[in-house]
Amino acid sequence: MKTLNELFSLKGQHIIVSGCGLLGSHFAEALLVANAKVSLLDINKENLKIASNHLNKNYKGKLKTYCCDITSKESLKDTIKSIESDYPIYGLINTAAIDPKTDPKNTSSVPGDFLEYPVESWRLSMEVNVTGSFLLTQEVSRYLSKRGEGSIVNISSTYGIVGPDQKLYEEGVPDKSFKKPGDYPTSKAAIIGFTKYLAAYFANTKIRVNCLVPGGVFNNHSQAFVKAYSSRTLMGRMGNPNDYSGAVIYLLSNASSYVTGTSLVVDGGWTAI
């Protein structure tokens, strides 16, 4: 029987993380703590620089960053080939996504309202959140398939399994008119379906595909919004990035060796009732 440390260790494993925003950077750090090698992708060079400066202070030599457009097949092909040549890829976390709050081009009286939501904004969310995940996973899977093993973790959202409660935004943003747009929950629901498809596609191999379904993460929200959101969770608070670190390590490590095609909900009880 393996020890607890052996079950959850990622020592020697090379994991790609897409997106170095709020969750992506924390996922990368959690993997580094678990002794993994990490390649962090983002289209924003400045975000990559900030993440690299922070993480390389304590994990020098274990993290590399790559500026890459995940919606471009050509950009991804060259980037993933370079990453693989550096060290064999074992896993992937599909974190990169657009979560639209307001669109400056939207002149509607209520930003985010379905009846007036710009199709351009809808298409951009689908292109990044769904097509980008498809293209990146496709390229990474070419190398995982050659070795016949690996772990892929897709990041969805509670809004991928339940609809947004628009009252939350009325209570949390009382001085503004705003509705949660439909492109984000639709794309995150697609990610859950994509996970099940991939798990079935890689049946009878050692390539596992699972989905993390996080609840709302605090990111400098107003006190009113935090109060409104927290009142709807069983644990009475919003999540913080560290609340998801253990779940990601679990899904990538040998601790979940018999788990594939599942969605792990970590939301403080938001969807329990």
C-alpha atoms as a PDB file:
ATOM      1  CA  MET A   1       0.000   0.000   0.000  1.00  0.00           C
ATOM      2  CA  LYS A   2       1.298   3.449  -0.924  1.00  0.00           C
ATOM      3  CA  THR A   3       1.805   6.051   1.773  1.00  0.00           C
ATOM      4  CA  LEU A   4      -0.366   9.169   1.866  1.00  0.00           C
ATOM      5  CA  ASN A   5       2.509  11.259   0.515  1.00  0.00           C
ATOM      6  CA  GLU A   6       3.045   8.830  -2.344  1.00  0.00           C
ATOM      7  CA  LEU A   7      -0.650   8.862  -3.270  1.00  0.00           C
ATOM      8  CA  PHE A   8      -0.827  12.639  -3.579  1.00  0.00           C
ATOM      9  CA  SER A   9       2.697  13.330  -4.813  1.00  0.00           C
ATOM     10  CA  LEU A  10       3.212  14.682  -8.322  1.00  0.00           C
ATOM     11  CA  LYS A  11       6.978  14.395  -8.164  1.00  0.00           C
ATOM     12  CA  GLY A  12       8.467  14.210 -11.635  1.00  0.00           C
ATOM     13  CA  GLN A  13       5.140  14.888 -13.361  1.00  0.00           C
ATOM     14  CA  HIS A  14       4.939  17.710 -15.901  1.00  0.00           C
ATOM     15  CA  ILE A  15       1.608  19.555 -15.846  1.00  0.00           C
ATOM     16  CA  ILE A  16       0.367  22.272 -18.204  1.00  0.00           C
ATOM     17  CA  VAL A  17      -1.920  24.957 -16.761  1.00  0.00           C
ATOM     18  CA  SER A  18      -3.771  27.285 -19.127  1.00  0.00           C
ATOM     19  CA  GLY A  19      -4.553  30.770 -17.892  1.00  0.00           C
ATOM     20  CA  CYS A  20      -2.625  32.521 -15.137  1.00  0.00           C
ATOM     21  CA  GLY A  21      -5.514  34.482 -13.699  1.00  0.00           C
ATOM     22  CA  LEU A  22      -6.922  34.112 -10.197  1.00  0.00           C
ATOM     23  CA  LEU A  23      -7.266  30.306 -10.173  1.00  0.00           C
ATOM     24  CA  GLY A  24      -4.603  29.363 -12.722  1.00  0.00           C
ATOM     25  CA  SER A  25      -1.748  30.892 -10.734  1.00  0.00           C
ATOM     26  CA  HIS A  26      -2.933  29.197  -7.534  1.00  0.00           C
ATOM     27  CA  PHE A  27      -3.272  25.856  -9.319  1.00  0.00           C
ATOM     28  CA  ALA A  28       0.285  26.241 -10.598  1.00  0.00           C
ATOM     29  CA  GLU A  29       1.569  26.942  -7.092  1.00  0.00           C
ATOM     30  CA  ALA A  30      -0.327  23.967  -5.637  1.00  0.00           C
ATOM     31  CA  LEU A  31       1.260  21.691  -8.252  1.00  0.00           C
ATOM     32  CA  LEU A  32       4.709  23.066  -7.475  1.00  0.00           C
ATOM     33  CA  VAL A  33       4.135  22.344  -3.769  1.00  0.00           C
ATOM     34  CA  ALA A  34       3.296  18.759  -4.802  1.00  0.00           C
ATOM     35  CA  ASN A  35       6.703  18.626  -6.566  1.00  0.00           C
ATOM     36  CA  ALA A  36       5.400  18.790 -10.129  1.00  0.00           C
ATOM     37  CA  LYS A  37       7.015  20.621 -13.023  1.00  0.00           C
ATOM     38  CA  VAL A  38       4.641  23.243 -14.390  1.00  0.00           C
ATOM     39  CA  SER A  39       4.233  24.964 -17.752  1.00  0.00           C
ATOM     40  CA  LEU A  40       1.931  27.965 -17.488  1.00  0.00           C
ATOM     41  CA  LEU A  41       0.207  29.314 -20.610  1.00  0.00           C
ATOM     42  CA  ASP A  42      -1.478  32.657 -21.125  1.00  0.00           C
ATOM     43  CA  ILE A  43      -2.034  35.112 -23.956  1.00  0.00           C
ATOM     44  CA  ASN A  44      -1.134  38.037 -21.683  1.00  0.00           C
ATOM     45  CA  LYS A  45       2.633  38.507 -21.349  1.00  0.00           C
ATOM     46  CA  GLU A  46       2.302  40.827 -18.367  1.00  0.00           C
ATOM     47  CA  ASN A  47       0.220  38.309 -16.415  1.00  0.00           C
ATOM     48  CA  LEU A  48       2.795  35.627 -17.183  1.00  0.00           C
ATOM     49  CA  LYS A  49       5.602  37.863 -15.956  1.00  0.00           C
ATOM     50  CA  ILE A  50       3.813  38.583 -12.677  1.00  0.00           C
ATOM     51  CA  ALA A  51       3.091  34.901 -12.073  1.00  0.00           C
ATOM     52  CA  SER A  52       6.640  33.883 -12.978  1.00  0.00           C
ATOM     53  CA  ASN A  53       8.228  36.463 -10.688  1.00  0.00           C
ATOM     54  CA  HIS A  54       6.049  35.335  -7.798  1.00  0.00           C
ATOM     55  CA  LEU A  55       6.375  31.574  -8.214  1.00  0.00           C
ATOM     56  CA  ASN A  56      10.042  31.375  -9.179  1.00  0.00           C
ATOM     57  CA  LYS A  57      11.021  32.927  -5.858  1.00  0.00           C
ATOM     58  CA  ASN A  58      10.286  29.640  -4.112  1.00  0.00           C
ATOM     59  CA  TYR A  59      10.200  27.131  -6.972  1.00  0.00           C
ATOM     60  CA  LYS A  60      13.019  28.210  -9.249  1.00  0.00           C
ATOM     61  CA  GLY A  61      13.614  25.866 -12.146  1.00  0.00           C
ATOM     62  CA  LYS A  62      10.272  24.064 -11.805  1.00  0.00           C
ATOM     63  CA  LEU A  63       8.105  26.599 -13.630  1.00  0.00           C
ATOM     64  CA  LYS A  64       8.199  27.807 -17.227  1.00  0.00           C
ATOM     65  CA  THR A  65       5.809  30.246 -18.859  1.00  0.00           C
ATOM     66  CA  TYR A  66       4.649  30.411 -22.467  1.00  0.00           C
ATOM     67  CA  CYS A  67       2.770  33.179 -24.239  1.00  0.00           C
ATOM     68  CA  CYS A  68       0.195  31.395 -26.356  1.00  0.00           C
ATOM     69  CA  ASP A  69      -3.243  31.900 -27.904  1.00  0.00           C
ATOM     70  CA  ILE A  70      -5.266  28.784 -27.094  1.00  0.00           C
ATOM     71  CA  THR A  71      -7.760  29.625 -29.833  1.00  0.00           C
ATOM     72  CA  SER A  72      -5.024  29.341 -32.478  1.00  0.00           C
ATOM     73  CA  LYS A  73      -4.224  25.801 -33.590  1.00  0.00           C
ATOM     74  CA  GLU A  74      -0.924  26.925 -35.123  1.00  0.00           C
ATOM     75  CA  SER A  75       0.187  28.737 -31.960  1.00  0.00           C
ATOM     76  CA  LEU A  76      -0.754  25.763 -29.793  1.00  0.00           C
ATOM     77  CA  LYS A  77       0.950  23.187 -32.001  1.00  0.00           C
ATOM     78  CA  ASP A  78       4.311  24.942 -31.786  1.00  0.00           C
ATOM     79  CA  THR A  79       3.975  25.726 -28.073  1.00  0.00           C
ATOM     80  CA  ILE A  80       2.974  22.230 -26.977  1.00  0.00           C
ATOM     81  CA  LYS A  81       5.712  20.702 -29.122  1.00  0.00           C
ATOM     82  CA  SER A  82       8.241  22.929 -27.370  1.00  0.00           C
ATOM     83  CA  ILE A  83       6.853  22.058 -23.939  1.00  0.00           C
ATOM     84  CA  GLU A  84       6.932  18.329 -24.676  1.00  0.00           C
ATOM     85  CA  SER A  85      10.517  18.496 -25.957  1.00  0.00           C
ATOM     86  CA  ASP A  86      11.542  20.144 -22.697  1.00  0.00           C
ATOM     87  CA  TYR A  87      10.041  17.390 -20.516  1.00  0.00           C
ATOM     88  CA  PRO A  88       7.352  14.746 -21.243  1.00  0.00           C
ATOM     89  CA  ILE A  89       3.848  16.046 -20.505  1.00  0.00           C
ATOM     90  CA  TYR A  90       1.795  14.102 -17.969  1.00  0.00           C
ATOM     91  CA  GLY A  91      -1.226  16.299 -17.303  1.00  0.00           C
ATOM     92  CA  LEU A  92      -3.282  19.353 -18.176  1.00  0.00           C
ATOM     93  CA  ILE A  93      -5.557  21.777 -16.338  1.00  0.00           C
ATOM     94  CA  ASN A  94      -7.887  23.728 -18.632  1.00  0.00           C
ATOM     95  CA  THR A  95      -8.364  26.899 -16.602  1.00  0.00           C
ATOM     96  CA  ALA A  96      -8.260  29.690 -19.203  1.00  0.00           C
ATOM     97  CA  ALA A  97     -11.686  31.260 -19.663  1.00  0.00           C
ATOM     98  CA  ILE A  98     -13.554  34.498 -20.113  1.00  0.00           C
ATOM     99  CA  ASP A  99     -16.056  35.410 -17.399  1.00  0.00           C
ATOM    100  CA  PRO A 100     -17.814  38.500 -18.795  1.00  0.00           C
ATOM    101  CA  LYS A 101     -18.951  41.078 -16.284  1.00  0.00           C
ATOM    102  CA  THR A 102     -19.836  44.038 -18.488  1.00  0.00           C
ATOM    103  CA  ASP A 103     -19.143  44.851 -22.119  1.00  0.00           C
ATOM    104  CA  PRO A 104     -18.290  48.479 -22.905  1.00  0.00           C
ATOM    105  CA  LYS A 105     -19.729  47.986 -26.404  1.00  0.00           C
ATOM    106  CA  ASN A 106     -23.081  46.986 -24.930  1.00  0.00           C
ATOM    107  CA  THR A 107     -25.268  50.081 -24.790  1.00  0.00           C
ATOM    108  CA  SER A 108     -28.289  48.263 -23.379  1.00  0.00           C
ATOM    109  CA  SER A 109     -29.985  49.665 -20.302  1.00  0.00           C
ATOM    110  CA  VAL A 110     -29.101  46.525 -18.324  1.00  0.00           C
ATOM    111  CA  PRO A 111     -25.601  45.134 -19.139  1.00  0.00           C
ATOM    112  CA  GLY A 112     -25.653  41.359 -19.521  1.00  0.00           C
ATOM    113  CA  ASP A 113     -29.365  41.198 -20.284  1.00  0.00           C
ATOM    114  CA  PHE A 114     -30.131  38.287 -22.600  1.00  0.00           C
ATOM    115  CA  LEU A 115     -32.420  40.183 -24.961  1.00  0.00           C
ATOM    116  CA  GLU A 116     -29.744  42.738 -25.812  1.00  0.00           C
ATOM    117  CA  TYR A 117     -26.540  40.737 -25.277  1.00  0.00           C
ATOM    118  CA  PRO A 118     -24.039  41.204 -28.158  1.00  0.00           C
ATOM    119  CA  VAL A 119     -23.487  38.107 -30.262  1.00  0.00           C
ATOM    120  CA  GLU A 120     -19.810  39.132 -30.569  1.00  0.00           C
ATOM    121  CA  SER A 121     -19.392  38.722 -26.797  1.00  0.00           C
ATOM    122  CA  TRP A 122     -21.175  35.362 -26.908  1.00  0.00           C
ATOM    123  CA  ARG A 123     -18.921  34.098 -29.693  1.00  0.00           C
ATOM    124  CA  LEU A 124     -15.745  35.244 -27.944  1.00  0.00           C
ATOM    125  CA  SER A 125     -16.674  33.362 -24.753  1.00  0.00           C
ATOM    126  CA  MET A 126     -17.414  30.200 -26.723  1.00  0.00           C
ATOM    127  CA  GLU A 127     -14.182  30.557 -28.699  1.00  0.00           C
ATOM    128  CA  VAL A 128     -12.005  30.823 -25.591  1.00  0.00           C
ATOM    129  CA  ASN A 129     -13.913  28.742 -23.033  1.00  0.00           C
ATOM    130  CA  VAL A 130     -14.963  25.851 -25.264  1.00  0.00           C
ATOM    131  CA  THR A 131     -12.971  25.865 -28.505  1.00  0.00           C
ATOM    132  CA  GLY A 132      -9.776  26.897 -26.723  1.00  0.00           C
ATOM    133  CA  SER A 133     -10.128  23.988 -24.292  1.00  0.00           C
ATOM    134  CA  PHE A 134     -10.812  21.642 -27.212  1.00  0.00           C
ATOM    135  CA  LEU A 135      -7.763  22.745 -29.197  1.00  0.00           C
ATOM    136  CA  LEU A 136      -5.377  22.692 -26.228  1.00  0.00           C
ATOM    137  CA  THR A 137      -6.595  19.286 -25.075  1.00  0.00           C
ATOM    138  CA  GLN A 138      -6.316  17.937 -28.603  1.00  0.00           C
ATOM    139  CA  GLU A 139      -2.666  18.951 -28.894  1.00  0.00           C
ATOM    140  CA  VAL A 140      -1.717  17.718 -25.423  1.00  0.00           C
ATOM    141  CA  SER A 141      -3.573  14.431 -25.992  1.00  0.00           C
ATOM    142  CA  ARG A 142      -1.371  13.615 -28.992  1.00  0.00           C
ATOM    143  CA  TYR A 143       1.534  13.193 -26.586  1.00  0.00           C
ATOM    144  CA  LEU A 144      -0.456  11.571 -23.770  1.00  0.00           C
ATOM    145  CA  SER A 145      -1.774   9.000 -26.259  1.00  0.00           C
ATOM    146  CA  LYS A 146       1.740   8.010 -27.332  1.00  0.00           C
ATOM    147  CA  ARG A 147       2.544   7.050 -23.733  1.00  0.00           C
ATOM    148  CA  GLY A 148      -0.952   5.818 -22.926  1.00  0.00           C
ATOM    149  CA  GLU A 149      -1.225   7.630 -19.596  1.00  0.00           C
ATOM    150  CA  GLY A 150      -1.963  11.008 -18.094  1.00  0.00           C
ATOM    151  CA  SER A 151      -4.591  13.097 -16.349  1.00  0.00           C
ATOM    152  CA  ILE A 152      -6.686  15.968 -17.680  1.00  0.00           C
ATOM    153  CA  VAL A 153      -8.664  18.293 -15.429  1.00  0.00           C
ATOM    154  CA  ASN A 154     -11.219  20.645 -16.944  1.00  0.00           C
ATOM    155  CA  ILE A 155     -12.481  23.600 -14.922  1.00  0.00           C
ATOM    156  CA  SER A 156     -16.217  24.211 -15.055  1.00  0.00           C
ATOM    157  CA  SER A 157     -18.352  26.183 -12.579  1.00  0.00           C
ATOM    158  CA  THR A 158     -21.443  25.740 -10.453  1.00  0.00           C
ATOM    159  CA  TYR A 159     -23.061  27.867 -13.161  1.00  0.00           C
ATOM    160  CA  GLY A 160     -22.400  24.931 -15.450  1.00  0.00           C
ATOM    161  CA  ILE A 161     -24.878  22.799 -13.466  1.00  0.00           C
ATOM    162  CA  VAL A 162     -27.351  25.386 -12.169  1.00  0.00           C
ATOM    163  CA  GLY A 163     -28.503  28.680 -13.621  1.00  0.00           C
ATOM    164  CA  PRO A 164     -27.298  32.016 -12.230  1.00  0.00           C
ATOM    165  CA  ASP A 165     -29.481  33.507  -9.529  1.00  0.00           C
ATOM    166  CA  GLN A 166     -29.979  37.009 -10.923  1.00  0.00           C
ATOM    167  CA  LYS A 167     -31.269  38.208  -7.528  1.00  0.00           C
ATOM    168  CA  LEU A 168     -27.719  37.751  -6.262  1.00  0.00           C
ATOM    169  CA  TYR A 169     -26.555  40.575  -8.512  1.00  0.00           C
ATOM    170  CA  GLU A 170     -29.493  42.772  -7.588  1.00  0.00           C
ATOM    171  CA  GLU A 171     -28.647  42.403  -3.886  1.00  0.00           C
ATOM    172  CA  GLY A 172     -24.872  42.416  -4.315  1.00  0.00           C
ATOM    173  CA  VAL A 173     -24.703  45.311  -6.762  1.00  0.00           C
ATOM    174  CA  PRO A 174     -27.625  47.428  -5.542  1.00  0.00           C
ATOM    175  CA  ASP A 175     -26.427  50.659  -7.144  1.00  0.00           C
ATOM    176  CA  LYS A 176     -26.127  49.166 -10.637  1.00  0.00           C
ATOM    177  CA  SER A 177     -28.351  47.296 -13.062  1.00  0.00           C
ATOM    178  CA  PHE A 178     -26.610  44.098 -14.158  1.00  0.00           C
ATOM    179  CA  LYS A 179     -27.503  40.543 -15.128  1.00  0.00           C
ATOM    180  CA  LYS A 180     -25.152  37.589 -15.345  1.00  0.00           C
ATOM    181  CA  PRO A 181     -24.721  36.917 -19.089  1.00  0.00           C
ATOM    182  CA  GLY A 182     -25.673  33.546 -20.543  1.00  0.00           C
ATOM    183  CA  ASP A 183     -22.442  32.789 -22.392  1.00  0.00           C
ATOM    184  CA  TYR A 184     -20.438  31.879 -19.272  1.00  0.00           C
ATOM    185  CA  PRO A 185     -22.848  29.259 -17.805  1.00  0.00           C
ATOM    186  CA  THR A 186     -23.501  27.819 -21.262  1.00  0.00           C
ATOM    187  CA  SER A 187     -19.792  27.382 -21.951  1.00  0.00           C
ATOM    188  CA  LYS A 188     -19.184  25.875 -18.513  1.00  0.00           C
ATOM    189  CA  ALA A 189     -21.994  23.360 -19.029  1.00  0.00           C
ATOM    190  CA  ALA A 190     -20.309  22.420 -22.301  1.00  0.00           C
ATOM    191  CA  ILE A 191     -17.070  21.738 -20.410  1.00  0.00           C
ATOM    192  CA  ILE A 192     -18.842  19.119 -18.294  1.00  0.00           C
ATOM    193  CA  GLY A 193     -20.089  17.389 -21.441  1.00  0.00           C
ATOM    194  CA  PHE A 194     -16.630  17.659 -22.992  1.00  0.00           C
ATOM    195  CA  THR A 195     -15.179  15.942 -19.911  1.00  0.00           C
ATOM    196  CA  LYS A 196     -17.528  12.981 -20.213  1.00  0.00           C
ATOM    197  CA  TYR A 197     -16.816  12.675 -23.919  1.00  0.00           C
ATOM    198  CA  LEU A 198     -13.050  12.616 -23.383  1.00  0.00           C
ATOM    199  CA  ALA A 199     -13.247  10.117 -20.535  1.00  0.00           C
ATOM    200  CA  ALA A 200     -15.229   7.767 -22.770  1.00  0.00           C
ATOM    201  CA  TYR A 201     -12.880   8.384 -25.693  1.00  0.00           C
ATOM    202  CA  PHE A 202      -9.890   7.338 -23.608  1.00  0.00           C
ATOM    203  CA  ALA A 203     -11.639   4.249 -22.212  1.00  0.00           C
ATOM    204  CA  ASN A 204      -9.358   1.274 -21.540  1.00  0.00           C
ATOM    205  CA  THR A 205      -6.293   3.497 -21.287  1.00  0.00           C
ATOM    206  CA  LYS A 206      -4.522   5.076 -18.339  1.00  0.00           C
ATOM    207  CA  ILE A 207      -5.572   8.544 -19.472  1.00  0.00           C
ATOM    208  CA  ARG A 208      -8.137   9.942 -17.054  1.00  0.00           C
ATOM    209  CA  VAL A 209     -10.319  13.010 -17.618  1.00  0.00           C
ATOM    210  CA  ASN A 210     -12.258  14.747 -14.853  1.00  0.00           C
ATOM    211  CA  CYS A 211     -13.870  18.072 -14.144  1.00  0.00           C
ATOM    212  CA  LEU A 212     -13.554  20.414 -11.167  1.00  0.00           C
ATOM    213  CA  VAL A 213     -16.713  22.435 -10.494  1.00  0.00           C
ATOM    214  CA  PRO A 214     -15.769  25.374  -8.253  1.00  0.00           C
ATOM    215  CA  GLY A 215     -18.130  27.788  -6.581  1.00  0.00           C
ATOM    216  CA  GLY A 216     -17.684  31.541  -6.468  1.00  0.00           C
ATOM    217  CA  VAL A 217     -14.166  32.701  -5.612  1.00  0.00           C
ATOM    218  CA  PHE A 218     -13.571  35.934  -3.736  1.00  0.00           C
ATOM    219  CA  ASN A 219     -11.812  38.431  -5.966  1.00  0.00           C
ATOM    220  CA  ASN A 220     -12.127  41.888  -4.442  1.00  0.00           C
ATOM    221  CA  HIS A 221     -15.916  41.744  -4.559  1.00  0.00           C
ATOM    222  CA  SER A 222     -17.938  44.364  -2.749  1.00  0.00           C
ATOM    223  CA  GLN A 223     -19.026  43.667   0.815  1.00  0.00           C
ATOM    224  CA  ALA A 224     -22.639  43.639  -0.346  1.00  0.00           C
ATOM    225  CA  PHE A 225     -21.938  40.972  -2.981  1.00  0.00           C
ATOM    226  CA  VAL A 226     -19.943  38.795  -0.555  1.00  0.00           C
ATOM    227  CA  LYS A 227     -22.791  38.975   1.947  1.00  0.00           C
ATOM    228  CA  ALA A 228     -25.405  38.118  -0.686  1.00  0.00           C
ATOM    229  CA  TYR A 229     -23.379  35.228  -2.097  1.00  0.00           C
ATOM    230  CA  SER A 230     -22.359  33.834   1.301  1.00  0.00           C
ATOM    231  CA  SER A 231     -25.968  33.724   2.490  1.00  0.00           C
ATOM    232  CA  ARG A 232     -26.695  31.159  -0.244  1.00  0.00           C
ATOM    233  CA  THR A 233     -23.930  28.701   0.684  1.00  0.00           C
ATOM    234  CA  LEU A 234     -24.182  26.114   3.447  1.00  0.00           C
ATOM    235  CA  MET A 235     -20.752  27.133   4.713  1.00  0.00           C
ATOM    236  CA  GLY A 236     -21.681  30.809   4.849  1.00  0.00           C
ATOM    237  CA  ARG A 237     -18.809  32.193   2.800  1.00  0.00           C
ATOM    238  CA  MET A 238     -17.333  32.542  -0.664  1.00  0.00           C
ATOM    239  CA  GLY A 239     -14.487  30.296  -1.715  1.00  0.00           C
ATOM    240  CA  ASN A 240     -10.863  31.337  -1.893  1.00  0.00           C
ATOM    241  CA  PRO A 241      -8.341  29.957  -4.402  1.00  0.00           C
ATOM    242  CA  ASN A 242      -6.689  27.699  -1.833  1.00  0.00           C
ATOM    243  CA  ASP A 243      -9.990  25.873  -1.284  1.00  0.00           C
ATOM    244  CA  TYR A 244      -9.493  24.202  -4.675  1.00  0.00           C
ATOM    245  CA  SER A 245      -5.825  23.248  -4.450  1.00  0.00           C
ATOM    246  CA  GLY A 246      -6.422  19.892  -2.775  1.00  0.00           C
ATOM    247  CA  ALA A 247      -9.106  18.938  -5.271  1.00  0.00           C
ATOM    248  CA  VAL A 248      -6.831  19.628  -8.245  1.00  0.00           C
ATOM    249  CA  ILE A 249      -3.950  17.654  -6.753  1.00  0.00           C
ATOM    250  CA  TYR A 250      -6.327  14.782  -5.975  1.00  0.00           C
ATOM    251  CA  LEU A 251      -7.618  14.631  -9.557  1.00  0.00           C
ATOM    252  CA  LEU A 252      -4.119  14.702 -11.061  1.00  0.00           C
ATOM    253  CA  SER A 253      -2.462  12.294  -8.634  1.00  0.00           C
ATOM    254  CA  ASN A 254      -2.605   8.551  -8.015  1.00  0.00           C
ATOM    255  CA  ALA A 255      -5.064   9.229  -5.190  1.00  0.00           C
ATOM    256  CA  SER A 256      -7.766   9.330  -7.892  1.00  0.00           C
ATOM    257  CA  SER A 257      -6.437   6.445  -9.991  1.00  0.00           C
ATOM    258  CA  TYR A 258      -9.939   4.906 -10.329  1.00  0.00           C
ATOM    259  CA  VAL A 259     -11.725   8.191 -11.064  1.00  0.00           C
ATOM    260  CA  THR A 260     -12.575   9.347 -14.589  1.00  0.00           C
ATOM    261  CA  GLY A 261     -15.491  11.084 -16.270  1.00  0.00           C
ATOM    262  CA  THR A 262     -16.671  12.678 -13.052  1.00  0.00           C
ATOM    263  CA  SER A 263     -17.389  16.232 -11.916  1.00  0.00           C
ATOM    264  CA  LEU A 264     -16.050  17.106  -8.478  1.00  0.00           C
ATOM    265  CA  VAL A 265     -18.175  19.893  -7.002  1.00  0.00           C
ATOM    266  CA  VAL A 266     -16.377  22.147  -4.509  1.00  0.00           C
ATOM    267  CA  ASP A 267     -18.790  24.981  -3.776  1.00  0.00           C
ATOM    268  CA  GLY A 268     -19.351  25.285  -0.019  1.00  0.00           C
ATOM    269  CA  GLY A 269     -22.757  23.676  -0.458  1.00  0.00           C
ATOM    270  CA  TRP A 270     -24.110  26.172  -3.020  1.00  0.00           C
ATOM    271  CA  THR A 271     -25.717  23.444  -5.162  1.00  0.00           C
ATOM    272  CA  ALA A 272     -26.691  21.085  -2.305  1.00  0.00           C
ATOM    273  CA  ILE A 273     -30.103  22.675  -1.804  1.00  0.00           C
END
